Protein backbone atom coordinates (compact mmCIF):
# COMPACT_ATOMS: atom_id res chain seq x y z
CA MET A 1 123.08 88.39 25.11
CA SER A 2 123.14 87.25 28.74
CA LEU A 3 126.13 88.06 30.93
CA LEU A 4 125.94 84.52 32.29
CA LEU A 5 128.64 82.03 31.35
CA ASN A 6 127.24 79.27 29.13
CA PRO A 7 129.79 76.62 28.09
CA GLN A 8 127.60 75.46 25.21
CA ASN A 9 127.85 78.75 23.35
CA TYR A 10 130.77 80.39 25.13
CA ASP A 11 132.46 83.39 23.61
CA SER A 12 135.44 84.46 25.71
CA PRO A 13 135.79 88.24 26.17
CA GLN A 14 139.57 87.94 25.72
CA LYS A 15 140.96 89.83 22.74
CA ASP A 16 143.90 87.53 21.91
CA LEU A 17 143.64 84.02 20.45
CA PRO A 18 145.94 82.20 22.96
CA SER A 19 143.79 83.38 25.87
CA ARG A 20 140.57 82.40 24.11
CA GLU A 21 142.06 78.97 23.39
CA ILE A 22 142.89 78.43 27.09
CA MET A 23 139.27 79.09 28.08
CA LYS A 24 137.89 77.00 25.24
CA LYS A 25 140.14 74.00 26.00
CA THR A 26 139.36 74.22 29.72
CA ILE A 27 135.62 74.09 29.02
CA HIS A 28 136.18 71.13 26.69
CA PHE A 29 138.20 69.31 29.37
CA PHE A 30 135.37 69.59 31.88
CA GLU A 31 132.56 68.93 29.43
CA ASP A 32 134.36 65.78 28.23
CA LYS A 33 134.94 64.67 31.81
CA GLY A 34 131.25 65.17 32.60
CA LEU A 35 129.34 65.85 35.79
CA LYS A 36 129.12 62.16 36.73
CA SER A 37 132.91 61.78 36.80
CA ILE A 38 133.38 65.11 38.60
CA LYS A 39 130.91 64.00 41.27
CA GLU A 40 132.59 60.61 41.65
CA ASP A 41 135.93 62.32 42.29
CA ASP A 42 134.25 64.63 44.78
CA GLN A 43 132.57 61.82 46.68
CA ALA A 44 135.76 59.76 46.77
CA SER A 45 137.87 62.84 47.73
CA ARG A 46 140.06 61.85 44.77
CA TRP A 47 143.00 64.14 43.92
CA TYR A 48 142.58 65.58 40.40
CA THR A 49 145.66 64.26 38.61
CA ASP A 50 143.77 64.44 35.28
CA PHE A 51 143.14 68.18 35.71
CA LEU A 52 146.77 68.87 36.68
CA LYS A 53 147.95 66.85 33.67
CA PHE A 54 145.73 69.03 31.47
CA ILE A 55 147.11 72.19 33.14
CA LYS A 56 150.66 71.05 32.34
CA GLU A 57 150.00 69.91 28.77
CA GLU A 58 148.21 73.13 27.84
CA GLN A 59 150.53 75.37 29.89
CA VAL A 60 147.47 76.95 31.52
CA PHE A 61 148.91 78.11 34.85
CA SER A 62 152.21 78.95 33.17
CA SER A 63 150.48 81.27 30.68
CA LEU A 64 148.04 82.84 33.14
CA LEU A 65 150.20 83.21 36.25
CA THR A 66 153.70 84.09 34.97
CA PRO A 67 154.33 87.85 34.65
CA SER A 68 155.75 89.16 31.37
CA GLY A 69 159.48 88.67 31.06
CA TYR A 70 159.69 85.41 32.99
CA GLY A 71 157.84 82.94 30.78
CA ALA A 72 156.66 82.30 27.23
CA PRO A 73 155.80 85.31 25.01
CA ASP A 74 152.06 84.97 25.70
CA SER A 75 152.47 84.65 29.48
CA ARG A 76 151.37 87.61 31.57
CA PHE A 77 149.67 88.25 34.90
CA ASP A 78 146.48 89.66 33.41
CA LEU A 79 143.66 89.89 35.96
CA SER A 80 141.00 89.88 33.27
CA ARG A 81 141.80 86.35 32.11
CA ILE A 82 142.86 85.18 35.60
CA CYS A 83 139.36 86.03 36.87
CA GLU A 84 137.69 84.46 33.84
CA PHE A 85 139.48 81.18 34.56
CA ASN A 86 138.31 81.37 38.19
CA GLU A 87 134.71 81.63 37.07
CA ILE A 88 135.00 78.79 34.54
CA SER A 89 136.79 76.38 36.91
CA ALA A 90 134.33 77.03 39.77
CA PHE A 91 131.43 76.57 37.34
CA TYR A 92 132.43 72.88 37.32
CA SER A 93 133.65 72.51 40.92
CA LEU A 94 135.18 74.75 43.55
CA SER A 95 137.83 72.04 44.07
CA TYR A 96 139.38 72.89 40.68
CA GLN A 97 139.19 76.62 41.33
CA TYR A 98 140.79 76.02 44.74
CA THR A 99 144.06 74.62 43.39
CA TYR A 100 144.29 77.65 41.11
CA GLN A 101 143.27 80.11 43.84
CA VAL A 102 145.90 78.91 46.32
CA SER A 103 148.53 78.79 43.57
CA ILE A 104 147.84 82.50 42.93
CA LEU A 105 148.33 83.13 46.66
CA GLY A 106 151.53 81.10 46.77
CA LEU A 107 152.93 82.98 43.79
CA GLY A 108 152.16 86.43 45.19
CA PRO A 109 155.11 86.71 47.62
CA ILE A 110 157.46 85.27 44.97
CA TRP A 111 156.57 87.83 42.29
CA MET A 112 156.47 90.64 44.90
CA GLY A 113 159.81 89.73 46.48
CA ASP A 114 163.30 90.80 45.43
CA ASN A 115 164.74 87.33 44.78
CA GLU A 116 165.20 87.11 41.00
CA LYS A 117 166.64 83.60 41.17
CA ALA A 118 163.45 82.36 42.89
CA LYS A 119 161.32 84.08 40.25
CA HIS A 120 163.06 82.33 37.34
CA LEU A 121 162.91 79.00 39.18
CA THR A 122 159.18 79.54 39.77
CA ALA A 123 158.60 80.27 36.07
CA GLN A 124 160.26 76.95 35.26
CA TYR A 125 158.13 75.11 37.82
CA LEU A 126 155.03 76.64 36.22
CA ARG A 127 156.19 75.40 32.80
CA ASP A 128 156.60 71.95 34.39
CA GLY A 129 152.96 72.03 35.52
CA GLY A 130 153.69 72.95 39.13
CA ILE A 131 151.12 74.19 41.62
CA PHE A 132 151.87 76.46 44.58
CA ALA A 133 150.85 77.08 48.18
CA PHE A 134 150.63 80.00 50.61
CA GLY A 135 151.87 79.16 54.11
CA LEU A 136 150.35 81.95 56.16
CA SER A 137 147.73 80.76 58.65
CA GLU A 138 148.55 78.77 61.76
CA LYS A 139 146.45 76.41 63.85
CA ALA A 140 146.43 78.55 66.99
CA HIS A 141 146.12 81.98 65.35
CA GLY A 142 144.44 81.62 61.97
CA ALA A 143 145.57 84.43 59.67
CA ASP A 144 146.63 86.77 62.51
CA LEU A 145 149.97 87.93 61.09
CA TYR A 146 151.09 89.53 64.34
CA SER A 147 150.89 86.24 66.27
CA ASN A 148 152.80 84.21 63.70
CA GLU A 149 155.03 81.60 65.41
CA MET A 150 156.96 80.12 62.46
CA ALA A 151 160.60 81.11 63.03
CA LEU A 152 163.93 81.30 61.20
CA SER A 153 166.97 80.77 63.41
CA SER A 154 170.48 81.76 62.29
CA THR A 155 173.14 79.06 61.83
CA ASN A 156 176.94 79.46 62.08
CA ASP A 157 177.39 79.41 58.30
CA GLY A 158 175.14 82.46 57.73
CA ASN A 159 172.09 80.43 56.77
CA TYR A 160 168.93 79.54 58.72
CA LEU A 161 166.80 76.73 60.08
CA ALA A 162 163.00 77.00 59.87
CA ASN A 163 160.79 75.56 62.58
CA GLY A 164 157.04 75.76 63.04
CA GLY A 165 153.72 74.67 61.60
CA LYS A 166 151.12 76.01 59.19
CA TYR A 167 147.48 74.96 59.10
CA TYR A 168 144.67 74.99 56.52
CA ILE A 169 147.06 75.31 53.59
CA GLY A 170 145.79 74.44 50.11
CA ASN A 171 148.04 72.33 47.83
CA ALA A 172 150.20 71.44 50.86
CA ASN A 173 150.63 67.92 49.46
CA GLU A 174 152.16 68.61 46.05
CA ALA A 175 153.10 72.28 45.77
CA ALA A 176 156.36 72.84 43.92
CA LEU A 177 157.01 75.69 46.36
CA VAL A 178 155.22 76.88 49.49
CA SER A 179 155.65 80.59 50.22
CA THR A 180 155.92 80.58 54.00
CA PHE A 181 155.46 83.59 56.28
CA ALA A 182 157.60 83.72 59.43
CA LYS A 183 159.73 85.88 61.73
CA TYR A 184 163.49 85.93 62.25
CA LYS A 185 163.94 84.52 65.73
CA ASP A 186 166.58 87.06 66.81
CA THR A 187 165.18 90.33 65.38
CA GLN A 188 161.44 89.40 65.15
CA ASP A 189 161.42 90.97 61.67
CA TYR A 190 159.00 89.42 59.17
CA VAL A 191 160.27 87.14 56.41
CA PHE A 192 158.87 85.17 53.46
CA PHE A 193 160.76 82.13 52.24
CA VAL A 194 159.96 79.13 50.02
CA VAL A 195 160.07 75.45 50.90
CA ASP A 196 159.72 72.27 48.86
CA THR A 197 156.91 69.86 49.85
CA GLN A 198 159.13 66.91 48.89
CA HIS A 199 162.01 67.91 51.19
CA ARG A 200 162.70 65.47 54.04
CA ASN A 201 162.44 68.28 56.64
CA TYR A 202 158.95 69.18 55.38
CA LYS A 203 156.47 67.08 57.32
CA LEU A 204 152.98 66.81 55.85
CA ILE A 205 150.92 65.97 58.91
CA LYS A 206 147.49 65.35 57.40
CA LYS A 207 144.79 66.31 54.96
CA ILE A 208 142.14 68.35 56.75
CA SER A 209 138.79 66.87 55.75
CA THR A 210 136.20 69.50 54.83
CA SER A 211 132.56 69.20 53.80
CA GLY A 212 133.28 71.05 50.54
CA VAL A 213 136.21 71.00 48.09
CA ARG A 214 136.70 67.33 48.91
CA ALA A 215 138.87 66.55 45.91
CA ALA A 216 141.22 69.42 46.82
CA TYR A 217 143.94 69.07 49.42
CA VAL A 218 143.75 71.31 52.49
CA GLY A 219 146.78 70.47 54.59
CA ASP A 220 148.56 70.76 57.90
CA TYR A 221 152.37 70.86 57.62
CA GLU A 222 155.37 71.35 59.86
CA LEU A 223 158.93 72.43 59.15
CA ILE A 224 161.48 70.67 61.36
CA GLU A 225 164.99 72.14 61.22
CA TYR A 226 164.33 72.92 57.53
CA PRO A 227 167.52 74.46 56.02
CA ILE A 228 167.01 77.88 54.41
CA THR A 229 169.64 79.79 52.43
CA GLN A 230 169.49 83.23 50.77
CA ASP A 231 168.27 81.45 47.63
CA GLU A 232 165.00 80.59 49.41
CA ILE A 233 164.38 83.97 51.07
CA LEU A 234 161.87 86.04 49.08
CA SER A 235 161.61 89.17 51.21
CA SER A 236 162.30 90.53 54.69
CA GLY A 237 160.98 93.29 56.95
CA ALA A 238 158.48 95.75 55.46
CA LEU A 239 158.51 94.05 52.03
CA ALA A 240 157.55 90.71 53.59
CA TRP A 241 154.70 92.34 55.53
CA ASP A 242 153.47 94.23 52.45
CA SER A 243 153.72 91.04 50.38
CA ALA A 244 151.38 89.25 52.79
CA LEU A 245 148.73 91.99 52.62
CA SER A 246 149.05 92.60 48.87
CA THR A 247 148.86 88.88 48.08
CA ILE A 248 145.65 88.63 50.08
CA ASN A 249 144.29 91.64 48.12
CA ILE A 250 144.82 89.71 44.89
CA GLY A 251 143.69 86.34 46.24
CA LYS A 252 140.48 87.27 48.00
CA PHE A 253 139.33 89.19 44.92
CA GLN A 254 139.21 85.92 42.94
CA LEU A 255 136.61 84.42 45.26
CA GLY A 256 133.85 86.65 43.91
CA PHE A 257 134.29 85.11 40.46
CA ALA A 258 134.26 81.63 41.99
CA SER A 259 130.87 82.39 43.60
CA ILE A 260 129.54 83.65 40.27
CA GLY A 261 130.64 80.44 38.53
CA ILE A 262 128.97 78.20 41.13
CA CYS A 263 125.72 80.17 41.13
CA THR A 264 125.52 80.23 37.34
CA HIS A 265 125.77 76.43 37.04
CA ALA A 266 123.33 75.92 39.92
CA TYR A 267 120.91 78.39 38.32
CA TYR A 268 120.80 76.51 35.02
CA GLU A 269 120.29 73.18 36.78
CA ALA A 270 117.54 74.51 39.06
CA LEU A 271 115.72 76.30 36.23
CA ASN A 272 115.84 73.23 33.99
CA HIS A 273 114.53 71.00 36.76
CA ALA A 274 111.68 73.32 37.77
CA SER A 275 110.57 73.92 34.17
CA ASN A 276 110.33 70.17 33.50
CA ARG A 277 108.36 69.34 36.64
CA GLU A 278 104.58 69.38 37.14
CA LEU A 279 102.65 69.80 40.38
CA TYR A 280 98.87 69.86 40.71
CA GLY A 281 98.52 69.82 36.94
CA LYS A 282 100.71 72.89 36.44
CA LYS A 283 104.35 73.43 35.52
CA VAL A 284 106.31 74.40 38.61
CA THR A 285 107.52 77.51 36.78
CA ASP A 286 103.89 78.65 36.35
CA PHE A 287 103.57 79.29 40.08
CA PRO A 288 104.04 83.02 40.87
CA HIS A 289 106.30 82.42 43.89
CA ILE A 290 108.61 80.21 41.80
CA GLN A 291 108.78 82.85 39.09
CA LYS A 292 109.69 85.41 41.76
CA ILE A 293 112.52 83.18 43.04
CA PHE A 294 114.02 82.72 39.59
CA THR A 295 113.56 86.37 38.58
CA GLU A 296 115.09 87.78 41.75
CA SER A 297 117.94 85.27 41.88
CA TYR A 298 118.70 86.04 38.21
CA ALA A 299 118.81 89.77 39.05
CA ARG A 300 121.08 89.10 42.04
CA LEU A 301 123.40 86.96 39.93
CA ILE A 302 123.70 89.55 37.16
CA ALA A 303 124.33 92.20 39.84
CA MET A 304 127.17 90.07 41.26
CA LYS A 305 128.78 89.86 37.86
CA LEU A 306 128.29 93.55 37.05
CA TYR A 307 129.95 94.50 40.33
CA ALA A 308 132.78 91.98 39.97
CA LEU A 309 133.64 93.04 36.42
CA ARG A 310 133.54 96.73 37.31
CA SER A 311 135.71 96.29 40.39
CA LEU A 312 138.09 94.39 38.11
CA ASP A 313 138.36 97.52 35.93
CA TYR A 314 139.42 99.52 38.99
CA PHE A 315 141.88 96.85 40.16
CA ARG A 316 143.56 96.66 36.75
CA SER A 317 143.73 100.49 36.56
CA ALA A 318 145.19 100.92 40.05
CA SER A 319 148.26 103.06 40.73
CA ASP A 320 149.81 104.84 43.70
CA ASP A 321 147.52 107.75 42.81
CA ASP A 322 144.35 105.69 42.48
CA ARG A 323 143.90 103.03 45.15
CA ARG A 324 140.09 102.89 45.18
CA TYR A 325 140.36 99.14 44.66
CA LEU A 326 141.21 98.87 48.37
CA LEU A 327 137.53 99.66 49.05
CA PHE A 328 136.10 97.72 46.12
CA ASN A 329 138.12 94.52 46.75
CA PRO A 330 136.85 93.74 50.27
CA ILE A 331 133.31 94.42 49.05
CA GLN A 332 133.90 91.97 46.22
CA LYS A 333 135.07 89.46 48.83
CA MET A 334 132.22 89.86 51.33
CA LYS A 335 129.25 91.12 49.30
CA VAL A 336 129.53 89.18 46.05
CA THR A 337 130.22 85.95 47.94
CA THR A 338 127.41 86.37 50.50
CA GLN A 339 125.04 87.17 47.62
CA GLY A 340 126.11 83.80 46.22
CA MET A 341 124.94 82.13 49.43
CA LYS A 342 121.63 84.01 49.18
CA ILE A 343 121.06 82.83 45.60
CA ILE A 344 121.74 79.16 46.38
CA GLU A 345 119.35 79.36 49.34
CA MET A 346 116.63 80.92 47.15
CA LEU A 347 117.07 78.34 44.37
CA LEU A 348 116.98 75.52 46.91
CA ASP A 349 113.52 76.72 47.94
CA ALA A 350 112.47 76.35 44.30
CA ILE A 351 113.79 72.81 43.75
CA ALA A 352 113.62 71.54 47.36
CA ALA A 353 114.60 67.85 47.73
CA LYS A 354 116.18 67.71 44.27
CA GLY A 355 119.01 69.95 45.47
CA PHE A 356 120.19 67.29 47.94
CA GLU A 357 120.42 64.44 45.46
CA GLN A 358 124.02 63.25 45.22
CA ASP A 359 124.18 63.16 41.41
CA THR A 360 123.34 66.87 41.02
CA TYR A 361 125.71 69.78 40.69
CA PHE A 362 123.47 71.62 43.13
CA GLU A 363 124.37 69.34 46.02
CA THR A 364 128.03 70.38 45.63
CA ALA A 365 127.04 74.04 45.38
CA ILE A 366 125.21 73.82 48.72
CA ARG A 367 128.37 72.53 50.39
CA ASP A 368 130.86 74.81 48.65
CA ILE A 369 129.11 78.18 48.46
CA GLY A 370 129.20 78.86 52.20
CA MET A 371 132.95 78.26 52.40
CA ILE A 372 133.81 81.16 50.12
CA PRO A 373 132.84 84.17 52.30
CA ARG A 374 134.63 82.51 55.21
CA LEU A 375 137.99 81.94 53.48
CA GLU A 376 140.78 84.53 53.43
CA GLY A 377 139.23 86.94 55.90
CA THR A 378 135.69 86.57 57.16
CA THR A 379 132.86 88.85 56.10
CA HIS A 380 133.26 90.74 59.39
CA VAL A 381 136.97 91.39 58.77
CA ASN A 382 136.19 92.83 55.35
CA ILE A 383 133.34 95.04 56.61
CA ALA A 384 135.67 96.37 59.32
CA LEU A 385 138.06 97.36 56.53
CA VAL A 386 135.29 98.93 54.43
CA ILE A 387 134.13 101.19 57.32
CA LYS A 388 137.44 103.06 57.19
CA PHE A 389 136.44 104.61 53.84
CA ILE A 390 133.01 106.02 54.81
CA SER A 391 134.06 109.59 55.56
CA ASN A 392 136.13 110.15 52.40
CA TYR A 393 133.51 108.45 50.23
CA PHE A 394 130.76 110.86 51.28
CA PHE A 395 132.49 114.06 52.36
CA ASN A 396 135.89 114.41 50.72
CA SER A 397 135.38 113.81 47.02
CA THR A 398 137.90 114.52 44.30
CA GLU A 399 138.02 114.23 40.51
CA TYR A 400 139.40 111.24 38.60
CA PRO A 401 139.43 110.35 34.92
CA VAL A 402 136.64 107.85 34.16
CA ILE A 403 137.94 104.29 34.37
CA PRO A 404 137.18 102.48 31.10
CA LYS A 405 136.17 98.85 30.64
CA ARG A 406 139.47 97.02 31.08
CA ASP A 407 139.42 93.93 28.89
CA ASP A 408 142.67 94.72 27.07
CA PRO A 409 145.53 92.19 27.12
CA ALA A 410 148.06 93.65 29.56
CA ASP A 411 150.43 92.56 32.30
CA ASP A 412 149.01 93.97 35.52
CA SER A 413 152.41 94.63 37.03
CA TYR A 414 151.20 97.14 39.62
CA LEU A 415 149.75 94.22 41.58
CA PHE A 416 153.27 93.25 42.60
CA ARG A 417 154.29 96.68 43.84
CA GLN A 418 151.09 97.77 45.57
CA LYS A 419 151.48 100.64 48.00
CA ALA A 420 150.48 99.51 51.48
CA GLY A 421 148.82 101.49 54.29
CA LYS A 422 147.54 105.11 54.39
CA LEU A 423 143.91 104.21 53.72
CA ALA A 424 142.84 107.63 55.00
CA SER A 425 144.48 109.22 51.95
CA ILE A 426 142.25 107.32 49.46
CA ARG A 427 139.57 109.52 47.96
CA PHE A 428 136.66 109.04 45.57
CA PRO A 429 134.72 111.07 43.01
CA ASN A 430 131.23 112.24 43.94
CA TYR A 431 129.13 109.08 44.30
CA ARG A 432 126.16 110.86 42.70
CA LEU A 433 127.89 110.86 39.27
CA ALA A 434 126.90 107.22 38.68
CA TYR A 435 123.21 108.16 38.94
CA GLU A 436 123.26 110.93 36.35
CA GLY A 437 120.87 110.33 33.47
CA VAL A 438 119.27 107.25 35.05
CA GLN A 439 115.48 107.48 35.28
CA ILE A 440 114.35 104.15 36.74
CA PRO A 441 111.86 104.01 39.63
CA ASN A 442 113.81 101.82 42.06
CA VAL A 443 117.08 103.60 41.32
CA THR A 444 115.35 106.78 42.46
CA VAL A 445 114.10 105.14 45.68
CA PHE A 446 117.59 103.85 46.42
CA GLN A 447 119.05 107.33 45.88
CA GLU A 448 116.66 108.63 48.54
CA GLN A 449 117.96 105.98 50.95
CA ILE A 450 121.56 107.00 50.21
CA GLU A 451 120.86 110.65 50.97
CA LEU A 452 119.17 109.69 54.24
CA PHE A 453 122.24 107.63 55.15
CA ARG A 454 124.44 110.63 54.36
CA SER A 455 122.22 112.80 56.59
CA PHE A 456 122.58 110.20 59.34
CA LEU A 457 126.38 110.54 59.14
CA GLU A 458 126.21 114.35 58.96
CA GLN A 459 123.56 115.11 61.58
CA ALA A 460 123.47 112.06 63.85
CA SER A 461 126.83 110.34 63.48
CA PRO A 462 127.68 107.52 65.92
CA ASN A 463 128.77 108.72 69.37
CA LYS A 464 131.96 107.54 71.12
CA GLU A 465 130.22 104.57 72.70
CA GLN A 466 128.68 103.46 69.39
CA LEU A 467 132.00 103.88 67.60
CA LYS A 468 133.59 101.51 70.12
CA ASN A 469 130.82 98.95 69.62
CA ILE A 470 132.15 96.78 66.79
CA ASP A 471 128.73 95.15 66.31
CA TYR A 472 127.05 98.51 65.82
CA MET A 473 129.64 99.70 63.32
CA LEU A 474 129.58 96.42 61.36
CA ALA A 475 125.81 96.74 60.95
CA LEU A 476 126.27 100.31 59.73
CA GLY A 477 128.99 99.01 57.41
CA GLU A 478 126.46 96.72 55.74
CA MET A 479 124.48 99.76 54.57
CA PHE A 480 127.58 101.56 53.33
CA THR A 481 128.69 98.40 51.52
CA LEU A 482 125.36 98.25 49.70
CA ILE A 483 125.76 101.88 48.56
CA VAL A 484 129.19 101.16 47.02
CA TYR A 485 127.90 97.88 45.57
CA ALA A 486 125.06 99.76 43.87
CA GLN A 487 127.41 102.42 42.48
CA LEU A 488 129.60 99.96 40.60
CA ILE A 489 126.58 97.97 39.37
CA LEU A 490 125.10 101.15 37.95
CA GLU A 491 128.40 102.22 36.36
CA ASN A 492 128.73 98.83 34.67
CA SER A 493 125.11 98.73 33.53
CA LYS A 494 126.12 101.57 31.19
CA LEU A 495 129.00 99.51 29.74
CA HIS A 496 126.91 96.38 29.16
CA SER A 497 123.50 96.05 27.53
CA ILE A 498 121.38 95.77 30.67
CA SER A 499 117.63 96.20 30.16
CA SER A 500 115.71 98.77 32.20
CA ALA A 501 113.52 95.94 33.56
CA LEU A 502 116.57 94.11 34.88
CA LEU A 503 118.10 97.27 36.37
CA ASP A 504 114.78 98.06 38.07
CA GLU A 505 114.63 94.54 39.52
CA ILE A 506 118.24 94.81 40.76
CA PHE A 507 117.56 98.10 42.51
CA GLY A 508 114.28 96.70 43.84
CA PHE A 509 116.15 94.12 45.89
CA LEU A 510 118.82 96.69 46.84
CA VAL A 511 116.07 98.92 48.28
CA ARG A 512 114.64 95.96 50.25
CA ASP A 513 118.04 94.86 51.52
CA PHE A 514 118.92 98.40 52.57
CA ALA A 515 115.62 98.76 54.44
CA GLN A 516 116.32 95.44 56.18
CA PHE A 517 119.75 96.64 57.36
CA ALA A 518 118.16 99.86 58.66
CA LEU A 519 115.63 97.76 60.60
CA THR A 520 118.50 95.68 62.04
CA GLN A 521 120.16 98.90 63.21
CA VAL A 522 116.97 100.03 64.96
CA SER A 523 115.91 96.73 66.46
CA ASN A 524 119.30 95.49 67.70
CA TYR A 525 121.01 98.60 69.08
CA ASN A 526 120.37 101.69 71.17
CA ASN A 527 120.13 104.76 68.97
CA SER A 528 119.42 108.41 69.73
CA ALA A 529 115.94 109.69 68.82
CA GLN A 530 117.38 111.49 65.79
CA GLN A 531 119.31 108.42 64.68
CA GLU A 532 116.20 106.28 65.01
CA ASP A 533 114.06 108.71 63.00
CA LEU A 534 116.57 108.72 60.16
CA LEU A 535 116.96 104.94 60.20
CA LYS A 536 113.18 104.49 60.11
CA ALA A 537 113.01 106.87 57.15
CA MET A 538 115.50 104.58 55.35
CA MET A 539 113.04 101.67 55.61
CA LYS A 540 111.58 102.39 52.21
CA LYS A 541 109.51 100.08 50.08
CA PRO A 542 110.64 99.45 46.50
CA TYR A 543 108.43 100.52 43.63
CA LEU A 544 106.51 97.39 42.70
CA ASP A 545 105.46 96.99 39.09
CA PRO A 546 104.21 93.51 38.14
CA ALA A 547 104.54 94.40 34.43
CA THR A 548 108.30 95.01 34.82
CA THR A 549 108.79 91.71 36.63
CA ARG A 550 106.70 89.90 33.99
CA THR A 551 108.81 91.45 31.21
CA LEU A 552 112.00 90.25 32.90
CA TRP A 553 110.59 86.75 33.41
CA GLU A 554 109.43 86.41 29.80
CA ASN A 555 112.35 88.12 28.03
CA GLU A 556 115.36 87.08 30.09
CA VAL A 557 114.60 84.13 32.38
CA ILE A 558 112.41 81.83 30.25
CA PRO A 559 114.89 81.96 27.31
CA LEU A 560 117.55 80.43 29.61
CA ILE A 561 115.56 77.21 30.07
CA GLY A 562 117.45 74.32 28.49
CA THR A 563 120.27 76.50 27.16
CA TYR A 564 122.84 74.63 29.26
CA GLN A 565 122.58 70.92 30.05
CA HIS A 566 125.66 69.41 31.65
CA ALA A 567 127.20 66.29 30.19
């Protein structure tokens, strides 16, 4: 059975009936609405009142986003089903996923804070169908927390007045509460507080028009002498700072599943179109280059999902003693989402002009897919974070119990008390363990590239000047990212029924991508002779076996034709 989501024969991986019902009803809502209506809302930039009505009636956000103890008996903050809903909602339109995504962000500082009154109020708002917002970024500084200008000033009665603006804030029009990041004006300590979008001192300046997520609301708001009491303050000082970083850890992780949902829908539509079209007396899908596009993009899509699900296992199993997710999460954010861009670009080459027609899903995917890697920390920001783990990953291994597949119903409460900082203390098991017992040609070639990269770090590590060159280190980070990406894909291929042909195809493109990054390192930067020799040795060619590719095309790609047709 394919790992790809298919609404027409969907079997949710959730173990409990209420969770399965949420996914099933959500799919029914969108299938009944139909692509034509979704596209009309998109083109008219129409706010999705029908979707929010559905969310309220079925208690979707209330069930999925309220931690145990604050809501109904079946409510819990369970990343497994939270991520599944991200994939399903984005499958239909990133606009729907966006209102959910930014609600998750807005809720983070509330559940992480120490204001119990605010938590119970929030649970009630969720039961009432409320959505939430995360007031972090500012027009002049983006998401630079240090430069934050929103301020709380003390008043004579022991309360505060908030003044300042926030920019590019999702749900800024109708959020029940906006978690807003600021500083106390007198002490310059950090603070998180909540505001009500309907309050007269909350000024909604405008909707920021974007090429994608048109039906969503991305806003610009200002607080003018907004009164704040202790009831609205969520956290102060170190807790407020940690809440900002930990919320982003949770939020950016979701974007990988959104990319997977978009690519899956676009893949079905492109494959159906190409298989029903004839050129020069032949089916388009009979052309070898078209088969290559669909086979490779299928392999890249399955790889995205294998990585995302495996990194989810690590995130759900996190503790103060096992914080490996702090490496895997930024890779989920930058690698899975940029792979999504790559897939849409490849598929567009297969269907050409059809992809730009306004009544297709694909046209929305083209606009939306490129937004995802650039939201909540750019690709470069996430690679810069990933680089910090290189030394421990290769040279300071330790033993851990094997992390199982985590699809059990559980409240992932550690998310709200994540330990911040001290990345240098995070260690990993030997990366070679994932490769044990795997005898597949391109996996072997990729292993050779990994060992050459390790030798590069050991024998020809970057000098002081190269270490200071952010560009140089980011390019090196791309290769390291691919090594970690491959590890989790391989681990998860053992937990899911992945054919050897598919695994060989996945590692075939990993070998090519790795060689391309090595070439970038040689052709764009000054390297020592030893560095250059090792980088050139990394430019390996994958093992090419037409029979393997043919097997994958016939057994896994062709059977997908016509399996999903949108309403």
